[in-house]
């Protein structure tokens, strides 16, 4: 497992809500297949986006394992912005409040690549 994956790996169980965005869902699917027996439930709570780059097999897999698939076709905002809005809606539905952001892990997909801030 590469160094950036190790940091991401250890933050997964402590996340209140886990979400993937569009093509990042494909990356998370591949990563989750590598670690599936190493942590409890690597399935995201939410999968959002206009799904122009998410693979159907990945969407189907996560949906079958309990992820909410939320299609956000609006092209006036980025998929990331729409995902943040969906996270806010999910927090309200769970009656959760976030007062302090202790950790923020972000995965940004670009040109088929992935960047994990350190």
Protein backbone atom coordinates (compact mmCIF):
# COMPACT_ATOMS: atom_id res chain seq x y z
CA UNK A 1 0.00 0.00 0.00
CA UNK A 2 1.46 3.38 -0.97
CA UNK A 3 2.22 5.98 1.72
CA UNK A 4 -0.74 8.25 0.89
CA UNK A 5 -3.08 5.27 1.02
CA UNK A 6 -1.91 4.42 4.54
CA UNK A 7 -2.95 7.87 5.83
CA UNK A 8 -6.31 7.59 4.10
CA UNK A 9 -6.68 4.01 5.33
CA UNK A 10 -6.41 5.02 8.99
CA UNK A 11 -8.90 7.90 8.67
CA UNK A 12 -11.73 5.74 7.23
CA UNK A 13 -13.11 4.22 10.47
CA UNK A 14 -13.27 7.61 12.22
CA UNK A 15 -15.26 9.39 9.51
CA UNK A 16 -18.83 10.31 10.42
CA UNK A 17 -19.88 10.28 6.78
CA UNK A 18 -17.92 8.86 3.87
CA UNK A 19 -18.66 10.09 0.35
CA UNK A 20 -17.23 9.59 -3.10
CA UNK A 21 -17.73 11.90 -6.05
CA UNK A 22 -18.26 10.73 -9.64
CA UNK A 23 -14.98 9.35 -11.09
CA UNK A 24 -13.44 9.25 -7.62
CA UNK A 25 -15.90 6.43 -6.98
CA UNK A 26 -13.94 4.25 -9.41
CA UNK A 27 -10.71 4.99 -7.57
CA UNK A 28 -12.32 4.26 -4.20
CA UNK A 29 -13.75 1.00 -5.55
CA UNK A 30 -10.29 -0.20 -6.60
CA UNK A 31 -8.77 0.92 -3.29
CA UNK A 32 -11.56 -0.70 -1.27
CA UNK A 33 -10.96 -4.01 -3.04
CA UNK A 34 -7.34 -3.89 -1.84
CA UNK A 35 -8.27 -3.20 1.78
CA UNK A 36 -11.66 -4.91 2.10
CA UNK A 37 -10.55 -7.37 4.78
CA UNK A 38 -8.31 -4.89 6.59
CA UNK A 39 -10.97 -2.47 7.87
CA UNK A 40 -14.62 -2.66 8.78
CA UNK A 41 -16.90 -1.50 5.96
CA UNK A 42 -15.04 0.56 3.36
CA UNK A 43 -18.38 1.31 1.65
CA UNK A 44 -19.14 5.05 1.29
CA UNK A 45 -22.37 6.36 2.78
CA UNK A 46 -22.98 8.57 -0.26
CA UNK A 47 -21.96 8.38 -3.90
CA UNK A 48 -22.77 11.59 -5.74
CA UNK A 49 -22.14 13.23 -9.10
CA UNK A 50 -23.47 13.58 -12.61
CA UNK A 51 -21.88 10.16 -13.23
CA UNK A 52 -20.24 11.09 -16.50
CA UNK A 53 -17.09 9.30 -15.37
CA UNK A 54 -18.27 6.87 -12.68
CA UNK A 55 -18.35 3.28 -13.90
CA UNK A 56 -21.70 1.50 -13.65
CA UNK A 57 -20.10 -1.56 -12.05
CA UNK A 58 -18.73 0.60 -9.22
CA UNK A 59 -22.06 2.37 -8.68
CA UNK A 60 -23.90 -0.97 -8.66
CA UNK A 61 -21.41 -2.53 -6.24
CA UNK A 62 -21.65 0.30 -3.71
CA UNK A 63 -25.43 0.53 -4.02
CA UNK A 64 -25.75 -3.23 -3.43
CA UNK A 65 -23.65 -2.79 -0.27
CA UNK A 66 -25.75 0.04 1.17
CA UNK A 67 -24.41 3.30 -0.28
CA UNK A 68 -26.92 5.97 -1.25
CA UNK A 69 -26.46 6.79 -4.92
CA UNK A 70 -27.40 10.42 -5.55
CA UNK A 71 -27.44 11.61 -9.14
CA UNK A 72 -26.76 15.36 -9.30
CA UNK A 73 -27.01 16.28 -13.00
CA UNK A 74 -26.89 20.08 -12.56
CA UNK A 75 -23.97 21.42 -14.62
CA UNK A 76 -23.95 24.87 -12.96
CA UNK A 77 -21.81 23.60 -10.08
CA UNK A 78 -18.93 21.19 -9.69
CA UNK A 79 -19.58 17.63 -8.56
CA UNK A 80 -17.54 18.40 -5.44
CA UNK A 81 -19.80 21.35 -4.48
CA UNK A 82 -22.88 19.22 -5.03
CA UNK A 83 -21.38 16.49 -2.84
CA UNK A 84 -20.74 18.93 0.01
CA UNK A 85 -24.40 19.96 -0.19
CA UNK A 86 -25.49 16.29 -0.06
CA UNK A 87 -23.27 15.71 2.97
CA UNK A 88 -24.95 18.66 4.69
CA UNK A 89 -28.37 17.17 3.90
CA UNK A 90 -27.25 13.78 5.23
CA UNK A 91 -25.90 15.35 8.43
CA UNK A 92 -29.28 17.06 8.99
CA UNK A 93 -31.17 13.82 8.30
CA UNK A 94 -29.03 12.04 10.89
CA UNK A 95 -29.48 15.00 13.26
CA UNK A 96 -25.72 15.39 13.44
CA UNK A 97 -24.01 18.71 13.94
CA UNK A 98 -20.43 19.51 13.11
CA UNK A 99 -18.94 22.11 15.40
CA UNK A 100 -15.29 21.48 14.76
CA UNK A 101 -13.61 19.86 11.84
CA UNK A 102 -10.83 17.76 13.38
CA UNK A 103 -9.64 16.10 10.20
CA UNK A 104 -10.39 16.68 6.59
CA UNK A 105 -9.18 14.17 4.05
CA UNK A 106 -9.78 15.07 0.44
CA UNK A 107 -9.26 13.07 -2.68
CA UNK A 108 -9.33 15.02 -5.92
CA UNK A 109 -9.46 13.25 -9.25
CA UNK A 110 -7.97 14.92 -12.29
CA UNK A 111 -7.28 13.47 -15.72
CA UNK A 112 -7.75 9.97 -14.37
CA UNK A 113 -5.21 10.57 -11.60
CA UNK A 114 -5.64 11.07 -7.90
CA UNK A 115 -4.02 13.42 -5.43
CA UNK A 116 -4.09 12.76 -1.68
CA UNK A 117 -2.91 15.79 0.33
CA UNK A 118 -0.40 14.92 3.03
